[in-house]
Amino acid sequence: MLSPTRSIMPRQSTEILLASTSPRRRQLLAQAGVDFTAIDPGLDDGQLTSGPVSPAQWVGALAAMKARAGLDRAGELGLEPVVVIGADTVCVHRSELIGQPADAAHARAILRSFVSTTHEVLTGVALLTHAGARRELFVERAAVSWGAVSDDQIERYIASGHWQGKAGAYNLTERLDAGWPISYRGDPGTIVGLPMAALLPRLDRLRCQCDGSAA
């Protein structure tokens, strides 16, 4: 079961730096008990295009760019994190790569296309140690199936503005809480923005390796 969506302020620590402005990624880390600091990496991936690469390659590349930008930003702020986390999430539906909607009309079209179909969600994560000495990159996948969501439900959701800034124009937890007929296969964190089941052991291992190097 997914944990209910609630507002959580991240505890401040410079050991782990999350290079993201996403409140959902911050929430997932906080709910897992991870101490971290979150900053804006200053990278607008909405201005980038994927080109002739696979969805997994694209989402992995964006995660790596965000981690690198976050590490550079940390240096500007005088921070020396042990590990920087960069992440990006996209949906793939009918062979189309879908990121964040450009506007309400785009969001409406995306949501209507999901009705009574199944789409894939990919989240890429890049872990980068201080000064870039080590890097780990991985991509997790999940499948999301929508039932018969009505046009009225979609219109009310569009009017709320909650689609903004979300890959595929929706947040899984919010839509399940709203009673939308949605099911999924895979780690729900992958769909929300951070695949926690895959991230936490990698994060612990990388931190231990860094501690060992510093000893």
N, C-alpha and C. Protein backbone atom coordinates (compact mmCIF):
# COMPACT_ATOMS: atom_id res chain seq x y z
N MET A 1 0.84 -1.19 0.00
CA MET A 1 0.00 0.00 0.00
C MET A 1 0.88 1.25 0.00
N LEU A 2 0.41 2.26 -0.68
CA LEU A 2 1.11 3.53 -0.68
C LEU A 2 0.81 4.28 0.61
N SER A 3 1.80 5.01 1.09
CA SER A 3 1.56 5.87 2.24
C SER A 3 0.77 7.08 1.80
N PRO A 4 -0.13 7.61 2.67
CA PRO A 4 -0.91 8.79 2.30
C PRO A 4 0.00 9.97 2.01
N THR A 5 -0.40 10.77 1.04
CA THR A 5 0.36 11.97 0.72
C THR A 5 0.21 12.97 1.84
N ARG A 6 1.33 13.50 2.32
CA ARG A 6 1.29 14.53 3.34
C ARG A 6 2.52 15.39 3.21
N SER A 7 2.48 16.58 3.76
CA SER A 7 3.58 17.52 3.63
C SER A 7 4.64 17.19 4.67
N ILE A 8 5.86 16.95 4.22
CA ILE A 8 6.97 16.64 5.12
C ILE A 8 8.14 17.53 4.75
N MET A 9 8.69 18.23 5.75
CA MET A 9 9.88 19.03 5.51
C MET A 9 11.10 18.14 5.68
N PRO A 10 12.01 18.10 4.71
CA PRO A 10 13.19 17.26 4.84
C PRO A 10 14.09 17.73 5.97
N ARG A 11 14.66 16.79 6.71
CA ARG A 11 15.63 17.13 7.74
C ARG A 11 16.93 17.54 7.07
N GLN A 12 17.61 18.51 7.62
CA GLN A 12 18.76 19.09 6.95
C GLN A 12 20.03 18.28 7.22
N SER A 13 20.69 17.89 6.19
CA SER A 13 21.96 17.19 6.25
C SER A 13 22.65 17.40 4.92
N THR A 14 23.97 17.59 4.93
CA THR A 14 24.68 17.74 3.67
C THR A 14 25.37 16.44 3.28
N GLU A 15 25.13 15.35 4.03
CA GLU A 15 25.72 14.07 3.64
C GLU A 15 25.09 13.57 2.34
N ILE A 16 23.78 13.73 2.22
CA ILE A 16 23.06 13.34 1.02
C ILE A 16 22.38 14.57 0.44
N LEU A 17 22.58 14.82 -0.82
CA LEU A 17 22.00 15.98 -1.49
C LEU A 17 21.07 15.49 -2.59
N LEU A 18 19.82 15.91 -2.54
CA LEU A 18 18.84 15.60 -3.58
C LEU A 18 18.78 16.76 -4.55
N ALA A 19 19.19 16.53 -5.78
CA ALA A 19 19.18 17.58 -6.79
C ALA A 19 17.83 17.60 -7.48
N SER A 20 16.83 18.11 -6.77
CA SER A 20 15.47 18.10 -7.30
C SER A 20 14.60 19.08 -6.54
N THR A 21 13.66 19.69 -7.26
CA THR A 21 12.66 20.55 -6.61
C THR A 21 11.35 19.79 -6.39
N SER A 22 11.30 18.51 -6.74
CA SER A 22 10.07 17.73 -6.65
C SER A 22 9.66 17.47 -5.20
N PRO A 23 8.49 17.93 -4.77
CA PRO A 23 8.05 17.61 -3.40
C PRO A 23 7.79 16.12 -3.22
N ARG A 24 7.47 15.42 -4.28
CA ARG A 24 7.21 13.98 -4.16
C ARG A 24 8.50 13.22 -3.88
N ARG A 25 9.59 13.58 -4.53
CA ARG A 25 10.86 12.91 -4.25
C ARG A 25 11.34 13.24 -2.84
N ARG A 26 11.17 14.47 -2.43
CA ARG A 26 11.54 14.83 -1.07
C ARG A 26 10.74 14.02 -0.05
N GLN A 27 9.47 13.86 -0.34
CA GLN A 27 8.60 13.13 0.58
C GLN A 27 8.99 11.66 0.69
N LEU A 28 9.32 11.04 -0.44
CA LEU A 28 9.71 9.64 -0.43
C LEU A 28 10.97 9.42 0.41
N LEU A 29 11.95 10.30 0.27
CA LEU A 29 13.17 10.18 1.06
C LEU A 29 12.89 10.39 2.54
N ALA A 30 12.09 11.41 2.84
CA ALA A 30 11.77 11.71 4.24
C ALA A 30 11.00 10.57 4.89
N GLN A 31 10.05 9.98 4.16
CA GLN A 31 9.27 8.87 4.70
C GLN A 31 10.14 7.65 4.96
N ALA A 32 11.24 7.53 4.21
CA ALA A 32 12.16 6.41 4.41
C ALA A 32 13.18 6.69 5.51
N GLY A 33 13.09 7.87 6.13
CA GLY A 33 14.00 8.21 7.21
C GLY A 33 15.37 8.66 6.77
N VAL A 34 15.50 9.08 5.52
CA VAL A 34 16.79 9.52 5.00
C VAL A 34 17.00 11.00 5.32
N ASP A 35 18.13 11.31 5.93
CA ASP A 35 18.50 12.70 6.18
C ASP A 35 19.12 13.27 4.90
N PHE A 36 18.64 14.40 4.47
CA PHE A 36 19.13 14.95 3.20
C PHE A 36 18.87 16.45 3.13
N THR A 37 19.53 17.07 2.19
CA THR A 37 19.26 18.45 1.81
C THR A 37 18.83 18.44 0.35
N ALA A 38 17.83 19.20 0.01
CA ALA A 38 17.35 19.28 -1.37
C ALA A 38 17.63 20.67 -1.93
N ILE A 39 18.15 20.70 -3.15
CA ILE A 39 18.40 21.97 -3.82
C ILE A 39 17.91 21.88 -5.26
N ASP A 40 17.71 23.04 -5.85
CA ASP A 40 17.35 23.13 -7.26
C ASP A 40 18.63 22.99 -8.10
N PRO A 41 18.73 21.96 -8.95
CA PRO A 41 19.94 21.82 -9.76
C PRO A 41 20.06 22.86 -10.86
N GLY A 42 18.95 23.59 -11.10
CA GLY A 42 19.00 24.64 -12.11
C GLY A 42 19.02 24.12 -13.53
N LEU A 43 18.51 22.90 -13.72
CA LEU A 43 18.47 22.30 -15.06
C LEU A 43 17.03 22.13 -15.50
N ASP A 44 16.62 22.82 -16.56
CA ASP A 44 15.26 22.74 -17.07
C ASP A 44 15.22 21.72 -18.19
N ASP A 45 14.85 20.47 -17.85
CA ASP A 45 14.84 19.43 -18.88
C ASP A 45 13.68 19.60 -19.85
N GLY A 46 12.74 20.50 -19.53
CA GLY A 46 11.65 20.77 -20.46
C GLY A 46 12.14 21.44 -21.74
N GLN A 47 13.35 22.00 -21.69
CA GLN A 47 13.92 22.65 -22.86
C GLN A 47 14.75 21.70 -23.71
N LEU A 48 14.83 20.42 -23.28
CA LEU A 48 15.65 19.44 -23.98
C LEU A 48 14.78 18.46 -24.75
N THR A 49 15.31 17.89 -25.80
CA THR A 49 14.61 16.86 -26.56
C THR A 49 15.45 15.60 -26.58
N SER A 50 14.76 14.44 -26.64
CA SER A 50 15.44 13.17 -26.47
C SER A 50 16.29 12.75 -27.67
N GLY A 51 15.84 13.05 -28.86
CA GLY A 51 16.57 12.59 -30.03
C GLY A 51 16.42 11.09 -30.20
N PRO A 52 17.27 10.46 -31.04
CA PRO A 52 17.13 9.03 -31.37
C PRO A 52 17.73 8.10 -30.31
N VAL A 53 17.19 8.16 -29.09
CA VAL A 53 17.64 7.26 -28.02
C VAL A 53 16.41 6.59 -27.43
N SER A 54 16.63 5.49 -26.69
CA SER A 54 15.53 4.79 -26.05
C SER A 54 15.04 5.59 -24.83
N PRO A 55 13.80 5.35 -24.37
CA PRO A 55 13.32 6.02 -23.16
C PRO A 55 14.24 5.80 -21.96
N ALA A 56 14.76 4.58 -21.81
CA ALA A 56 15.65 4.29 -20.68
C ALA A 56 16.94 5.09 -20.79
N GLN A 57 17.50 5.19 -21.99
CA GLN A 57 18.71 5.99 -22.18
C GLN A 57 18.45 7.46 -21.88
N TRP A 58 17.29 7.95 -22.31
CA TRP A 58 16.96 9.36 -22.11
C TRP A 58 16.76 9.69 -20.64
N VAL A 59 15.99 8.88 -19.94
CA VAL A 59 15.71 9.18 -18.54
C VAL A 59 16.98 9.01 -17.70
N GLY A 60 17.83 8.07 -18.09
CA GLY A 60 19.11 7.92 -17.40
C GLY A 60 20.02 9.10 -17.63
N ALA A 61 20.04 9.60 -18.86
CA ALA A 61 20.88 10.76 -19.18
C ALA A 61 20.43 11.99 -18.42
N LEU A 62 19.11 12.19 -18.32
CA LEU A 62 18.60 13.34 -17.58
C LEU A 62 18.94 13.23 -16.10
N ALA A 63 18.83 12.03 -15.54
CA ALA A 63 19.18 11.84 -14.13
C ALA A 63 20.65 12.18 -13.90
N ALA A 64 21.52 11.73 -14.81
CA ALA A 64 22.95 12.00 -14.68
C ALA A 64 23.24 13.49 -14.80
N MET A 65 22.57 14.17 -15.72
CA MET A 65 22.77 15.62 -15.87
C MET A 65 22.32 16.37 -14.63
N LYS A 66 21.21 15.94 -14.03
CA LYS A 66 20.71 16.60 -12.82
C LYS A 66 21.65 16.37 -11.65
N ALA A 67 22.20 15.16 -11.53
CA ALA A 67 23.14 14.89 -10.44
C ALA A 67 24.40 15.75 -10.61
N ARG A 68 24.91 15.85 -11.83
CA ARG A 68 26.10 16.65 -12.09
C ARG A 68 25.83 18.13 -11.81
N ALA A 69 24.66 18.60 -12.26
CA ALA A 69 24.30 20.01 -12.02
C ALA A 69 24.13 20.26 -10.53
N GLY A 70 23.57 19.27 -9.80
CA GLY A 70 23.42 19.42 -8.37
C GLY A 70 24.75 19.48 -7.65
N LEU A 71 25.71 18.66 -8.10
CA LEU A 71 27.04 18.68 -7.50
C LEU A 71 27.72 20.01 -7.75
N ASP A 72 27.58 20.54 -8.96
CA ASP A 72 28.17 21.85 -9.27
C ASP A 72 27.51 22.94 -8.42
N ARG A 73 26.19 22.86 -8.27
CA ARG A 73 25.46 23.84 -7.47
C ARG A 73 25.88 23.75 -6.00
N ALA A 74 26.11 22.54 -5.52
CA ALA A 74 26.55 22.36 -4.13
C ALA A 74 27.89 23.06 -3.90
N GLY A 75 28.79 22.94 -4.88
CA GLY A 75 30.07 23.61 -4.77
C GLY A 75 29.92 25.12 -4.68
N GLU A 76 28.98 25.68 -5.45
CA GLU A 76 28.73 27.12 -5.41
C GLU A 76 28.21 27.55 -4.05
N LEU A 77 27.48 26.65 -3.38
CA LEU A 77 26.89 26.95 -2.08
C LEU A 77 27.81 26.60 -0.91
N GLY A 78 28.99 26.06 -1.23
CA GLY A 78 29.92 25.69 -0.17
C GLY A 78 29.58 24.39 0.52
N LEU A 79 28.79 23.53 -0.15
CA LEU A 79 28.40 22.24 0.43
C LEU A 79 29.31 21.14 -0.12
N GLU A 80 29.56 20.14 0.70
CA GLU A 80 30.36 19.00 0.28
C GLU A 80 29.61 17.71 0.60
N PRO A 81 28.58 17.39 -0.17
CA PRO A 81 27.80 16.19 0.10
C PRO A 81 28.60 14.92 -0.19
N VAL A 82 28.30 13.84 0.54
CA VAL A 82 28.92 12.56 0.27
C VAL A 82 28.35 11.98 -1.03
N VAL A 83 27.02 12.07 -1.16
CA VAL A 83 26.34 11.54 -2.35
C VAL A 83 25.30 12.53 -2.85
N VAL A 84 25.26 12.74 -4.16
CA VAL A 84 24.23 13.56 -4.79
C VAL A 84 23.28 12.62 -5.55
N ILE A 85 21.98 12.85 -5.39
CA ILE A 85 20.97 12.06 -6.09
C ILE A 85 20.33 12.91 -7.18
N GLY A 86 20.37 12.43 -8.41
CA GLY A 86 19.64 13.06 -9.51
C GLY A 86 18.63 12.05 -10.04
N ALA A 87 17.45 12.51 -10.41
CA ALA A 87 16.42 11.58 -10.89
C ALA A 87 15.53 12.25 -11.93
N ASP A 88 14.96 11.41 -12.79
CA ASP A 88 13.99 11.91 -13.76
C ASP A 88 13.00 10.79 -14.06
N THR A 89 11.75 11.19 -14.33
CA THR A 89 10.68 10.23 -14.58
C THR A 89 9.96 10.57 -15.88
N VAL A 90 9.68 9.55 -16.68
CA VAL A 90 8.90 9.74 -17.90
C VAL A 90 7.89 8.60 -18.03
N CYS A 91 6.86 8.84 -18.81
CA CYS A 91 5.90 7.79 -19.17
C CYS A 91 6.11 7.42 -20.64
N VAL A 92 5.81 6.18 -20.95
CA VAL A 92 5.85 5.72 -22.35
C VAL A 92 4.50 5.09 -22.65
N HIS A 93 3.83 5.65 -23.65
CA HIS A 93 2.49 5.17 -24.01
C HIS A 93 2.37 5.11 -25.53
N ARG A 94 2.03 3.93 -26.03
CA ARG A 94 1.90 3.74 -27.48
C ARG A 94 3.14 4.25 -28.21
N SER A 95 4.30 3.89 -27.65
CA SER A 95 5.61 4.23 -28.21
C SER A 95 5.95 5.71 -28.11
N GLU A 96 5.14 6.50 -27.41
CA GLU A 96 5.40 7.93 -27.27
C GLU A 96 6.00 8.21 -25.90
N LEU A 97 7.07 9.00 -25.88
CA LEU A 97 7.72 9.42 -24.65
C LEU A 97 6.97 10.63 -24.10
N ILE A 98 6.51 10.54 -22.85
CA ILE A 98 5.68 11.60 -22.27
C ILE A 98 6.33 12.09 -20.98
N GLY A 99 6.67 13.36 -20.94
CA GLY A 99 7.21 13.98 -19.74
C GLY A 99 6.15 14.85 -19.07
N GLN A 100 6.55 16.03 -18.65
CA GLN A 100 5.62 16.96 -18.02
C GLN A 100 4.80 17.67 -19.11
N PRO A 101 3.52 17.88 -18.86
CA PRO A 101 2.70 18.58 -19.87
C PRO A 101 3.09 20.04 -20.01
N ALA A 102 2.96 20.54 -21.21
CA ALA A 102 3.32 21.93 -21.48
C ALA A 102 2.27 22.91 -20.98
N ASP A 103 1.01 22.49 -21.02
CA ASP A 103 -0.09 23.35 -20.59
C ASP A 103 -1.31 22.48 -20.30
N ALA A 104 -2.43 23.13 -19.96
CA ALA A 104 -3.64 22.40 -19.58
C ALA A 104 -4.17 21.54 -20.73
N ALA A 105 -4.12 22.06 -21.94
CA ALA A 105 -4.61 21.30 -23.09
C ALA A 105 -3.77 20.05 -23.30
N HIS A 106 -2.47 20.19 -23.15
CA HIS A 106 -1.57 19.04 -23.29
C HIS A 106 -1.85 18.02 -22.20
N ALA A 107 -2.03 18.50 -20.97
CA ALA A 107 -2.33 17.59 -19.85
C ALA A 107 -3.63 16.84 -20.09
N ARG A 108 -4.63 17.53 -20.59
CA ARG A 108 -5.93 16.91 -20.87
C ARG A 108 -5.77 15.79 -21.92
N ALA A 109 -5.02 16.07 -22.96
CA ALA A 109 -4.81 15.08 -24.02
C ALA A 109 -4.07 13.86 -23.49
N ILE A 110 -3.06 14.08 -22.65
CA ILE A 110 -2.31 12.96 -22.07
C ILE A 110 -3.23 12.09 -21.22
N LEU A 111 -3.99 12.72 -20.32
CA LEU A 111 -4.84 11.98 -19.40
C LEU A 111 -5.92 11.19 -20.15
N ARG A 112 -6.52 11.80 -21.15
CA ARG A 112 -7.54 11.09 -21.94
C ARG A 112 -6.95 9.89 -22.67
N SER A 113 -5.70 10.01 -23.10
CA SER A 113 -5.08 8.90 -23.82
C SER A 113 -4.80 7.71 -22.90
N PHE A 114 -4.68 7.95 -21.60
CA PHE A 114 -4.41 6.88 -20.64
C PHE A 114 -5.65 6.06 -20.28
N VAL A 115 -6.84 6.61 -20.50
CA VAL A 115 -8.07 5.96 -20.06
C VAL A 115 -8.22 4.58 -20.70
N SER A 116 -8.48 3.59 -19.84
CA SER A 116 -8.72 2.20 -20.27
C SER A 116 -7.54 1.60 -21.02
N THR A 117 -6.33 2.04 -20.70
CA THR A 117 -5.11 1.49 -21.30
C THR A 117 -4.05 1.31 -20.22
N THR A 118 -2.94 0.72 -20.63
CA THR A 118 -1.78 0.56 -19.74
C THR A 118 -0.59 1.30 -20.33
N HIS A 119 0.11 2.04 -19.49
CA HIS A 119 1.33 2.70 -19.93
C HIS A 119 2.47 2.35 -18.99
N GLU A 120 3.69 2.59 -19.45
CA GLU A 120 4.88 2.29 -18.67
C GLU A 120 5.45 3.58 -18.07
N VAL A 121 6.01 3.46 -16.88
CA VAL A 121 6.68 4.59 -16.23
C VAL A 121 8.12 4.18 -15.97
N LEU A 122 9.05 5.05 -16.35
CA LEU A 122 10.47 4.80 -16.12
C LEU A 122 11.03 5.93 -15.27
N THR A 123 11.78 5.57 -14.24
CA THR A 123 12.51 6.56 -13.47
C THR A 123 13.99 6.21 -13.49
N GLY A 124 14.78 7.16 -13.93
CA GLY A 124 16.23 7.00 -13.91
C GLY A 124 16.80 7.69 -12.69
N VAL A 125 17.79 7.08 -12.07
CA VAL A 125 18.44 7.64 -10.89
C VAL A 125 19.95 7.61 -11.08
N ALA A 126 20.59 8.73 -10.78
CA ALA A 126 22.05 8.81 -10.81
C ALA A 126 22.55 9.17 -9.42
N LEU A 127 23.51 8.40 -8.92
CA LEU A 127 24.16 8.66 -7.64
C LEU A 127 25.59 9.07 -7.92
N LEU A 128 25.95 10.25 -7.45
CA LEU A 128 27.27 10.80 -7.75
C LEU A 128 27.94 11.21 -6.44
N THR A 129 29.15 10.73 -6.19
CA THR A 129 29.85 11.09 -4.97
C THR A 129 30.54 12.43 -5.13
N HIS A 130 30.97 13.00 -4.02
CA HIS A 130 31.63 14.31 -4.04
C HIS A 130 32.82 14.29 -4.99
N ALA A 131 32.91 15.32 -5.79
CA ALA A 131 33.97 15.49 -6.80
C ALA A 131 33.84 14.47 -7.93
N GLY A 132 32.70 13.75 -7.97
CA GLY A 132 32.46 12.84 -9.07
C GLY A 132 33.36 11.61 -9.09
N ALA A 133 33.89 11.21 -7.92
CA ALA A 133 34.80 10.07 -7.87
C ALA A 133 34.10 8.77 -8.24
N ARG A 134 32.84 8.64 -7.86
CA ARG A 134 32.08 7.44 -8.18
C ARG A 134 30.71 7.84 -8.72
N ARG A 135 30.18 7.01 -9.61
CA ARG A 135 28.85 7.25 -10.14
C ARG A 135 28.13 5.92 -10.34
N GLU A 136 26.87 5.92 -9.97
CA GLU A 136 26.05 4.74 -10.22
C GLU A 136 24.75 5.22 -10.88
N LEU A 137 24.38 4.55 -11.95
CA LEU A 137 23.20 4.94 -12.72
C LEU A 137 22.33 3.71 -12.95
N PHE A 138 21.02 3.86 -12.68
CA PHE A 138 20.11 2.75 -12.94
C PHE A 138 18.74 3.29 -13.33
N VAL A 139 17.96 2.45 -13.99
CA VAL A 139 16.62 2.81 -14.45
C VAL A 139 15.65 1.73 -14.00
N GLU A 140 14.56 2.12 -13.37
CA GLU A 140 13.52 1.20 -12.92
C GLU A 140 12.25 1.44 -13.73
N ARG A 141 11.48 0.36 -13.93
CA ARG A 141 10.25 0.43 -14.73
C ARG A 141 9.06 -0.06 -13.91
N ALA A 142 7.90 0.49 -14.21
CA ALA A 142 6.63 0.04 -13.62
C ALA A 142 5.55 0.20 -14.68
N ALA A 143 4.46 -0.52 -14.51
CA ALA A 143 3.33 -0.43 -15.44
C ALA A 143 2.11 0.08 -14.69
N VAL A 144 1.37 0.99 -15.32
CA VAL A 144 0.18 1.58 -14.72
C VAL A 144 -1.00 1.37 -15.65
N SER A 145 -2.07 0.78 -15.11
CA SER A 145 -3.29 0.54 -15.89
C SER A 145 -4.41 1.43 -15.38
N TRP A 146 -5.05 2.13 -16.30
CA TRP A 146 -6.18 2.99 -15.97
C TRP A 146 -7.47 2.31 -16.39
N GLY A 147 -8.50 2.50 -15.56
CA GLY A 147 -9.83 2.07 -15.92
C GLY A 147 -10.58 3.21 -16.60
N ALA A 148 -11.89 3.20 -16.43
CA ALA A 148 -12.75 4.17 -17.12
C ALA A 148 -12.86 5.47 -16.31
N VAL A 149 -11.83 6.30 -16.43
CA VAL A 149 -11.88 7.64 -15.83
C VAL A 149 -12.71 8.54 -16.74
N SER A 150 -13.69 9.22 -16.18
CA SER A 150 -14.61 10.01 -16.98
C SER A 150 -14.01 11.35 -17.39
N ASP A 151 -14.57 11.93 -18.44
CA ASP A 151 -14.16 13.27 -18.86
C ASP A 151 -14.40 14.28 -17.75
N ASP A 152 -15.48 14.10 -16.99
CA ASP A 152 -15.79 15.02 -15.90
C ASP A 152 -14.71 14.96 -14.82
N GLN A 153 -14.26 13.75 -14.49
CA GLN A 153 -13.18 13.62 -13.52
C GLN A 153 -11.91 14.29 -14.01
N ILE A 154 -11.61 14.10 -15.28
CA ILE A 154 -10.42 14.72 -15.85
C ILE A 154 -10.53 16.23 -15.84
N GLU A 155 -11.69 16.76 -16.20
CA GLU A 155 -11.86 18.22 -16.24
C GLU A 155 -11.72 18.84 -14.85
N ARG A 156 -12.28 18.17 -13.84
CA ARG A 156 -12.14 18.70 -12.47
C ARG A 156 -10.68 18.68 -12.04
N TYR A 157 -9.98 17.64 -12.44
CA TYR A 157 -8.57 17.55 -12.10
C TYR A 157 -7.76 18.61 -12.84
N ILE A 158 -8.05 18.82 -14.10
CA ILE A 158 -7.35 19.87 -14.86
C ILE A 158 -7.57 21.23 -14.20
N ALA A 159 -8.81 21.50 -13.77
CA ALA A 159 -9.13 22.79 -13.14
C ALA A 159 -8.37 22.98 -11.82
N SER A 160 -8.02 21.88 -11.15
CA SER A 160 -7.31 21.98 -9.87
C SER A 160 -5.88 22.46 -10.03
N GLY A 161 -5.30 22.24 -11.21
CA GLY A 161 -3.92 22.62 -11.46
C GLY A 161 -2.89 21.63 -10.93
N HIS A 162 -3.36 20.53 -10.33
CA HIS A 162 -2.44 19.57 -9.73
C HIS A 162 -1.65 18.76 -10.75
N TRP A 163 -1.98 18.88 -12.02
CA TRP A 163 -1.26 18.17 -13.07
C TRP A 163 0.09 18.81 -13.38
N GLN A 164 0.28 20.05 -12.95
CA GLN A 164 1.48 20.79 -13.32
C GLN A 164 2.74 20.18 -12.69
N GLY A 165 3.79 20.09 -13.50
CA GLY A 165 5.07 19.62 -13.01
C GLY A 165 5.16 18.12 -12.80
N LYS A 166 4.20 17.36 -13.32
CA LYS A 166 4.18 15.91 -13.10
C LYS A 166 4.34 15.17 -14.43
N ALA A 167 5.24 14.21 -14.45
CA ALA A 167 5.38 13.37 -15.64
C ALA A 167 4.08 12.62 -15.89
N GLY A 168 3.58 12.70 -17.11
CA GLY A 168 2.30 12.07 -17.42
C GLY A 168 1.11 12.83 -16.89
N ALA A 169 1.34 13.99 -16.30
CA ALA A 169 0.29 14.91 -15.83
C ALA A 169 -0.47 14.41 -14.59
N TYR A 170 0.07 13.41 -13.88
CA TYR A 170 -0.64 12.95 -12.69
C TYR A 170 0.34 12.40 -11.66
N ASN A 171 -0.12 12.35 -10.41
CA ASN A 171 0.60 11.71 -9.33
C ASN A 171 -0.19 10.49 -8.89
N LEU A 172 0.45 9.34 -8.83
CA LEU A 172 -0.24 8.09 -8.53
C LEU A 172 -0.98 8.14 -7.19
N THR A 173 -0.30 8.58 -6.15
CA THR A 173 -0.91 8.60 -4.82
C THR A 173 -2.15 9.47 -4.79
N GLU A 174 -2.06 10.66 -5.37
CA GLU A 174 -3.19 11.58 -5.39
C GLU A 174 -4.39 10.98 -6.11
N ARG A 175 -4.13 10.35 -7.25
CA ARG A 175 -5.25 9.82 -8.04
C ARG A 175 -5.86 8.58 -7.37
N LEU A 176 -5.06 7.77 -6.70
CA LEU A 176 -5.62 6.64 -5.95
C LEU A 176 -6.46 7.15 -4.78
N ASP A 177 -5.95 8.17 -4.08
CA ASP A 177 -6.70 8.75 -2.97
C ASP A 177 -8.01 9.36 -3.45
N ALA A 178 -8.02 9.84 -4.70
CA ALA A 178 -9.22 10.45 -5.26
C ALA A 178 -10.21 9.39 -5.77
N GLY A 179 -9.82 8.13 -5.71
CA GLY A 179 -10.72 7.05 -6.12
C GLY A 179 -10.69 6.72 -7.59
N TRP A 180 -9.69 7.18 -8.31
CA TRP A 180 -9.62 6.84 -9.73
C TRP A 180 -9.29 5.35 -9.88
N PRO A 181 -9.88 4.68 -10.87
CA PRO A 181 -9.64 3.24 -11.07
C PRO A 181 -8.29 2.99 -11.72
N ILE A 182 -7.25 2.97 -10.90
CA ILE A 182 -5.89 2.81 -11.38
C ILE A 182 -5.24 1.66 -10.62
N SER A 183 -4.53 0.80 -11.33
CA SER A 183 -3.73 -0.25 -10.71
C SER A 183 -2.33 -0.18 -11.28
N TYR A 184 -1.38 -0.85 -10.62
CA TYR A 184 0.00 -0.77 -11.09
C TYR A 184 0.75 -2.05 -10.76
N ARG A 185 1.84 -2.26 -11.48
CA ARG A 185 2.78 -3.35 -11.22
C ARG A 185 4.16 -2.76 -11.10
N GLY A 186 4.85 -3.11 -10.02
CA GLY A 186 6.17 -2.56 -9.78
C GLY A 186 6.20 -1.71 -8.53
N ASP A 187 7.35 -1.11 -8.27
CA ASP A 187 7.54 -0.25 -7.11
C ASP A 187 6.75 1.04 -7.32
N PRO A 188 5.81 1.37 -6.42
CA PRO A 188 5.08 2.63 -6.60
C PRO A 188 5.98 3.85 -6.57
N GLY A 189 7.14 3.72 -5.89
CA GLY A 189 8.07 4.83 -5.88
C GLY A 189 8.59 5.16 -7.27
N THR A 190 8.73 4.15 -8.11
CA THR A 190 9.16 4.39 -9.49
C THR A 190 8.16 5.30 -10.19
N ILE A 191 6.88 5.10 -9.92
CA ILE A 191 5.83 5.88 -10.57
C ILE A 191 5.76 7.29 -9.99
N VAL A 192 5.98 7.40 -8.68
CA VAL A 192 5.90 8.70 -8.01
C VAL A 192 7.14 9.55 -8.27
N GLY A 193 8.32 8.91 -8.44
CA GLY A 193 9.50 9.70 -8.76
C GLY A 193 10.82 9.22 -8.24
N LEU A 194 10.83 8.26 -7.27
CA LEU A 194 12.08 7.67 -6.80
C LEU A 194 11.82 6.20 -6.46
N PRO A 195 12.47 5.28 -7.13
CA PRO A 195 12.28 3.84 -6.86
C PRO A 195 13.02 3.45 -5.58
N MET A 196 12.36 3.59 -4.45
CA MET A 196 13.02 3.47 -3.16
C MET A 196 13.57 2.07 -2.90
N ALA A 197 12.89 1.03 -3.36
CA ALA A 197 13.37 -0.33 -3.13
C ALA A 197 14.73 -0.56 -3.77
N ALA A 198 14.97 0.05 -4.91
CA ALA A 198 16.25 -0.08 -5.59
C ALA A 198 17.26 0.97 -5.12
N LEU A 199 16.76 2.13 -4.70
CA LEU A 199 17.64 3.23 -4.33
C LEU A 199 18.33 3.01 -2.98
N LEU A 200 17.58 2.63 -1.96
CA LEU A 200 18.13 2.61 -0.60
C LEU A 200 19.35 1.70 -0.44
N PRO A 201 19.33 0.45 -0.93
CA PRO A 201 20.54 -0.36 -0.78
C PRO A 201 21.73 0.19 -1.55
N ARG A 202 21.48 0.76 -2.71
CA ARG A 202 22.57 1.36 -3.48
C ARG A 202 23.14 2.57 -2.75
N LEU A 203 22.26 3.36 -2.17
CA LEU A 203 22.69 4.55 -1.45
C LEU A 203 23.53 4.16 -0.24
N ASP A 204 23.09 3.15 0.51
CA ASP A 204 23.85 2.69 1.66
C ASP A 204 25.22 2.16 1.25
N ARG A 205 25.26 1.39 0.17
CA ARG A 205 26.52 0.82 -0.27
C ARG A 205 27.50 1.90 -0.70
N LEU A 206 27.00 2.90 -1.41
CA LEU A 206 27.87 3.97 -1.89
C LEU A 206 28.39 4.80 -0.73
N ARG A 207 27.54 5.05 0.24
CA ARG A 207 27.98 5.81 1.42
C ARG A 207 29.05 5.03 2.19
N CYS A 208 28.87 3.72 2.32
CA CYS A 208 29.86 2.90 3.02
C CYS A 208 31.20 2.90 2.28
N GLN A 209 31.14 2.84 0.97
CA GLN A 209 32.37 2.87 0.17
C GLN A 209 33.09 4.19 0.36
N CYS A 210 32.33 5.28 0.41
CA CYS A 210 32.94 6.59 0.62
C CYS A 210 33.55 6.71 2.01
N ASP A 211 32.83 6.16 3.01
CA ASP A 211 33.35 6.18 4.37
C ASP A 211 34.65 5.38 4.46
N GLY A 212 34.69 4.25 3.76
CA GLY A 212 35.89 3.42 3.76
C GLY A 212 37.07 4.11 3.11
N SER A 213 36.79 4.86 2.04
CA SER A 213 37.85 5.58 1.34
C SER A 213 38.42 6.68 2.19
N ALA A 214 37.53 7.28 3.03
CA ALA A 214 37.96 8.41 3.86
C ALA A 214 38.72 7.94 5.09
N ALA A 215 38.59 6.63 5.43
CA ALA A 215 39.21 6.12 6.65
C ALA A 215 40.74 6.06 6.52
